[in-house]
Protein backbone atom coordinates (compact mmCIF):
# COMPACT_ATOMS: atom_id res chain seq x y z
CA MET A 1 162.49 169.72 68.02
CA PHE A 2 164.51 167.41 65.89
CA HIS A 3 167.34 168.15 63.23
CA VAL A 4 167.29 166.54 59.65
CA PRO A 5 170.88 166.41 57.84
CA SER A 6 170.59 168.05 54.33
CA THR A 7 172.50 166.88 51.31
CA ASP A 8 175.71 168.56 52.30
CA GLY A 9 175.60 167.79 55.81
CA THR A 10 174.08 171.05 57.15
CA ALA A 11 171.53 170.18 60.00
CA ILE A 12 167.97 171.46 59.63
CA ALA A 13 165.93 172.00 62.50
CA VAL A 14 162.14 171.27 62.56
CA HIS A 15 159.69 172.27 65.42
CA ASP A 16 156.89 169.54 65.56
CA SER A 17 153.85 169.70 67.39
CA GLY A 18 149.91 169.13 67.35
CA ARG A 19 148.19 165.88 65.90
CA GLY A 20 146.92 164.51 62.85
CA ALA A 21 147.72 164.50 59.18
CA PRO A 22 151.32 166.15 58.80
CA LEU A 23 151.59 169.59 57.64
CA VAL A 24 155.06 171.25 56.82
CA LEU A 25 155.33 175.04 57.33
CA ILE A 26 158.23 177.00 55.31
CA HIS A 27 158.65 180.65 56.03
CA GLY A 28 160.10 183.20 54.04
CA SER A 29 163.28 185.35 53.76
CA SER A 30 162.31 187.77 56.59
CA SER A 31 161.03 185.29 59.36
CA GLY A 32 162.00 181.89 60.70
CA SER A 33 159.84 179.23 62.44
CA ARG A 34 158.22 181.47 64.73
CA ARG A 35 156.75 183.26 61.98
CA TRP A 36 153.63 180.67 61.99
CA LEU A 37 152.97 181.41 66.06
CA PRO A 38 149.97 183.56 65.26
CA ILE A 39 148.28 180.64 63.28
CA LEU A 40 149.92 177.46 65.06
CA GLY A 41 147.42 177.12 67.57
CA VAL A 42 144.50 176.39 65.02
CA LEU A 43 146.73 174.47 63.03
CA GLU A 44 147.77 172.24 65.91
CA GLY A 45 143.89 171.05 66.09
CA HIS A 46 143.88 169.73 62.81
CA PHE A 47 147.53 168.61 61.95
CA THR A 48 150.99 167.12 63.15
CA VAL A 49 152.75 170.55 62.18
CA TYR A 50 156.32 170.58 61.12
CA ARG A 51 157.75 174.12 61.36
CA MET A 52 161.20 174.16 59.46
CA GLU A 53 163.83 176.50 60.26
CA ARG A 54 165.29 177.04 56.98
CA ARG A 55 169.49 177.10 56.86
CA GLY A 56 171.32 180.07 58.57
CA ARG A 57 168.95 180.74 61.60
CA GLY A 58 167.37 179.36 64.87
CA ALA A 59 168.72 176.00 65.47
CA SER A 60 169.60 175.13 61.81
CA GLY A 61 173.01 174.87 60.69
CA ASP A 62 174.64 177.07 57.85
CA SER A 63 177.27 176.59 55.16
CA ALA A 64 179.72 178.89 53.66
CA ALA A 65 178.58 177.73 49.90
CA TYR A 66 174.49 179.27 49.46
CA SER A 67 172.28 179.02 46.48
CA VAL A 68 168.57 178.07 46.31
CA VAL A 69 169.50 174.57 45.24
CA ARG A 70 170.89 173.92 48.92
CA GLU A 71 167.59 175.50 50.32
CA VAL A 72 165.62 172.91 47.92
CA GLU A 73 167.68 170.14 49.10
CA ASP A 74 167.07 171.11 52.68
CA ILE A 75 163.25 170.84 52.09
CA GLN A 76 163.48 167.79 50.29
CA ALA A 77 165.67 166.10 53.11
CA VAL A 78 163.04 167.54 55.93
CA LEU A 79 160.07 166.27 53.64
CA GLN A 80 161.38 162.50 52.92
CA SER A 81 162.00 162.35 56.76
CA ILE A 82 158.38 162.50 57.61
CA PRO A 83 156.46 159.20 57.23
CA GLY A 84 153.32 158.88 54.74
CA ARG A 85 151.74 161.53 52.53
CA LEU A 86 151.75 165.35 53.54
CA TYR A 87 150.88 169.03 53.48
CA VAL A 88 153.06 171.95 52.58
CA LEU A 89 152.18 175.44 53.16
CA ALA A 90 155.27 177.79 51.85
CA HIS A 91 155.61 181.77 52.29
CA SER A 92 157.54 183.90 49.93
CA TYR A 93 160.98 182.95 49.08
CA GLY A 94 160.21 179.72 51.15
CA ALA A 95 157.57 179.15 48.47
CA ILE A 96 159.95 179.52 45.54
CA CYS A 97 162.06 176.75 47.37
CA ALA A 98 159.11 174.61 48.10
CA LEU A 99 157.88 174.45 44.60
CA GLU A 100 160.98 173.23 43.50
CA ALA A 101 161.70 170.73 45.69
CA ALA A 102 158.06 169.56 45.26
CA ARG A 103 159.28 168.54 41.59
CA GLU A 104 161.28 165.87 43.21
CA VAL A 105 159.38 164.34 45.82
CA ASP A 106 156.43 162.07 45.92
CA ASN A 107 154.65 162.52 49.35
CA ILE A 108 152.48 165.71 48.95
CA ASP A 109 149.23 165.56 48.67
CA ARG A 110 148.70 169.28 48.51
CA LEU A 111 150.47 172.42 48.14
CA ILE A 112 149.80 175.83 49.17
CA LEU A 113 151.78 178.92 47.93
CA TYR A 114 151.74 182.35 49.54
CA GLU A 115 152.97 184.78 47.20
CA PRO A 116 156.11 183.23 46.04
CA PRO A 117 158.26 186.58 44.51
CA ILE A 118 159.24 184.73 41.10
CA PRO A 119 160.69 187.38 38.89
CA VAL A 120 158.46 187.63 35.73
CA ASN A 121 160.24 190.64 33.73
CA GLY A 122 164.08 190.82 35.02
CA PRO A 123 165.21 190.98 38.81
CA LEU A 124 162.70 191.92 41.24
CA HIS A 125 164.42 194.26 43.37
CA PRO A 126 165.86 197.63 42.43
CA PRO A 127 169.34 198.43 41.55
CA GLY A 128 171.21 198.87 44.70
CA THR A 129 168.86 197.80 47.13
CA ILE A 130 170.69 194.89 48.11
CA ALA A 131 173.82 196.55 48.69
CA LYS A 132 172.13 198.89 50.75
CA ILE A 133 170.91 196.45 53.04
CA GLN A 134 174.23 194.87 53.45
CA SER A 135 175.75 198.36 53.91
CA CYS A 136 173.07 198.75 57.20
CA ILE A 137 173.70 195.08 58.46
CA ASP A 138 177.77 195.64 58.08
CA ALA A 139 177.10 198.90 60.28
CA GLY A 140 174.95 197.01 62.99
CA ASP A 141 171.57 198.68 62.03
CA LEU A 142 169.45 195.71 61.47
CA GLU A 143 166.39 197.97 61.88
CA GLY A 144 167.48 200.15 59.01
CA ALA A 145 168.31 197.33 56.68
CA TYR A 146 164.73 195.54 57.21
CA CYS A 147 163.19 198.82 56.74
CA THR A 148 164.97 199.31 53.39
CA PHE A 149 163.96 195.80 52.77
CA ALA A 150 160.23 196.29 53.43
CA LEU A 151 160.45 199.95 51.42
CA GLU A 152 162.40 198.78 48.46
CA ALA A 153 161.48 195.34 48.17
CA LEU A 154 158.18 194.70 49.53
CA LYS A 155 156.93 198.07 48.25
CA ARG A 156 154.96 198.61 51.63
CA PRO A 157 154.32 202.08 52.75
CA ALA A 158 155.90 204.01 55.48
CA HIS A 159 152.85 203.75 57.52
CA GLU A 160 152.69 199.74 57.23
CA ILE A 161 156.28 199.39 58.52
CA GLU A 162 155.16 201.56 61.56
CA ARG A 163 152.25 199.04 62.08
CA LEU A 164 154.91 196.20 61.71
CA ARG A 165 156.99 197.66 64.60
CA ARG A 166 153.72 197.19 66.93
CA LEU A 167 153.66 193.47 66.04
CA PRO A 168 155.11 190.61 68.39
CA ALA A 169 156.82 189.22 65.13
CA TRP A 170 158.86 192.93 64.72
CA SER A 171 161.96 190.95 66.47
CA VAL A 172 161.64 187.91 64.59
CA TYR A 173 162.19 190.26 61.25
CA LEU A 174 165.15 192.00 62.64
CA ASP A 175 166.68 188.36 63.86
CA MET A 176 166.46 187.28 60.41
CA VAL A 177 167.98 190.48 58.36
CA PRO A 178 171.60 188.90 58.27
CA THR A 179 170.20 186.23 55.71
CA LEU A 180 168.42 188.56 53.54
CA PRO A 181 171.02 189.85 51.26
CA ARG A 182 172.01 186.38 49.94
CA GLU A 183 168.10 185.42 49.73
CA MET A 184 167.51 188.62 47.71
CA ALA A 185 170.08 188.02 45.18
CA GLU A 186 168.80 184.35 44.65
CA VAL A 187 165.38 185.53 43.75
CA ASP A 188 166.77 188.03 41.38
CA ARG A 189 168.56 185.10 39.59
CA TYR A 190 165.67 182.69 39.71
CA ARG A 191 164.08 181.74 36.64
CA PHE A 192 160.91 179.65 36.41
CA ASP A 193 160.97 177.32 33.71
CA ALA A 194 157.85 176.11 32.86
CA ASP A 195 158.66 173.17 30.86
CA ARG A 196 159.75 171.67 33.89
CA PHE A 197 156.51 171.96 35.70
CA ARG A 198 154.25 170.70 32.64
CA ASP A 199 153.91 167.32 34.29
CA PHE A 200 153.14 168.94 37.82
CA ARG A 201 150.39 167.27 39.64
CA ILE A 202 150.14 168.27 43.14
CA PRO A 203 146.87 170.19 43.73
CA THR A 204 148.05 173.68 44.48
CA LEU A 205 146.34 176.63 46.26
CA LEU A 206 148.13 180.01 45.49
CA LEU A 207 147.51 182.61 47.92
CA THR A 208 147.92 186.36 47.63
CA GLY A 209 146.84 189.33 49.42
CA GLY A 210 144.29 191.75 47.72
CA GLU A 211 146.40 194.75 48.34
CA SER A 212 149.73 193.31 47.57
CA PRO A 213 152.26 194.77 45.18
CA PRO A 214 151.47 193.91 41.49
CA HIS A 215 154.68 191.71 40.81
CA PHE A 216 153.05 189.08 43.25
CA ALA A 217 149.95 188.96 41.02
CA ALA A 218 152.28 188.73 38.09
CA ALA A 219 154.09 185.33 39.53
CA LEU A 220 150.74 183.80 40.32
CA ASP A 221 149.38 184.57 36.79
CA LEU A 222 152.83 182.76 35.90
CA LEU A 223 152.06 179.65 37.80
CA ARG A 224 148.05 179.57 37.41
CA ALA A 225 148.98 179.53 33.46
CA THR A 226 151.78 176.57 34.00
CA LEU A 227 150.66 174.25 36.96
CA PRO A 228 147.95 171.78 35.61
CA ASP A 229 145.82 171.89 39.15
CA THR A 230 145.71 175.08 40.83
CA ARG A 231 143.41 177.53 42.95
CA THR A 232 143.56 180.94 43.46
CA VAL A 233 142.49 182.76 46.55
CA SER A 234 142.83 186.59 47.30
CA LEU A 235 142.76 187.68 50.43
CA PRO A 236 140.98 191.20 50.73
CA GLY A 237 142.52 193.92 52.57
CA GLN A 238 145.49 192.11 52.94
CA GLU A 239 149.44 192.15 51.41
CA HIS A 240 152.45 189.85 52.29
CA ILE A 241 152.10 188.93 55.85
CA ALA A 242 148.21 188.11 56.19
CA MET A 243 149.30 185.13 58.96
CA ASP A 244 150.24 188.33 60.96
CA THR A 245 147.26 191.06 60.04
CA ALA A 246 144.33 188.87 59.48
CA PRO A 247 145.35 185.10 61.01
CA ARG A 248 141.75 184.29 61.31
CA LEU A 249 141.00 184.90 57.53
CA PHE A 250 144.35 183.49 56.57
CA VAL A 251 144.21 179.98 58.38
CA ARG A 252 140.36 179.71 57.28
CA GLU A 253 141.34 179.60 53.55
CA VAL A 254 144.08 177.16 54.63
CA LEU A 255 141.74 174.66 56.16
CA ARG A 256 139.44 175.13 53.64
CA PHE A 257 141.87 173.86 50.81
CA LEU A 258 143.48 171.03 53.26
CA GLN A 259 140.43 169.77 54.51
CA PRO A 260 137.23 170.59 52.03
CA ASP A 261 135.17 167.93 53.60
CA GLU A 262 135.47 169.06 57.30
CA SER A 263 133.52 171.84 58.79
CA THR A 264 136.18 174.37 60.62
CA MET A 265 133.83 177.54 60.98
CA ASN A 266 133.59 176.75 64.73
CA GLU A 267 137.31 177.34 65.09
CA MET A 268 137.80 180.54 63.47
């Protein structure tokens, strides 16, 4: 692990492993760098993997002032610290931040965005949801806060949450709960400006779950209509966390996009 100083001086932790072309992994709101563990072993066989720990969690620092701009600066600092050309795989809110960061750096060969929650028709989260989550956090009820997030923000059914409880990643979700309200608020404030991306030339894979809520599909429709070089893959039977629920399927699509000339099926 090493640290990269961001623009505001915050130290951003990066876990590096594997061997090969550089691949930077950027997690979403309800997770940290451990979110990638279900697929890490396969990726390490193909890439030097850099798992970024976004600010406010794990070994990364934080600051009192927070906005999506800080997150974008963090990602840019990490990308610029890695020599040569590289790939980026980003999930959820991390995918919004990665997309914005990609506009300002020149060393990304290919970009994968897995369900960035871009608001298309106004704020994404129901009124009162962020306040409800914050109230649970203030009361020390991290599990209640995450369940509220999953039910109201991610639109997951109750039976899906029960399935999540049985996953090794459940404790990871709870550890990241305190940063949820500020990141959810940034998502609701975010406005995708298509004009700023008309000259975006990075080949981009848009990943989505075949059973995901419709607002993710609307966001990908917007990106597909704007970004000049995109490919979309729907993961059948999956929702927002296919790296947990279908890791073989997920990593197969990642490898097909990043290494189209190599046979990867024997490692699946």
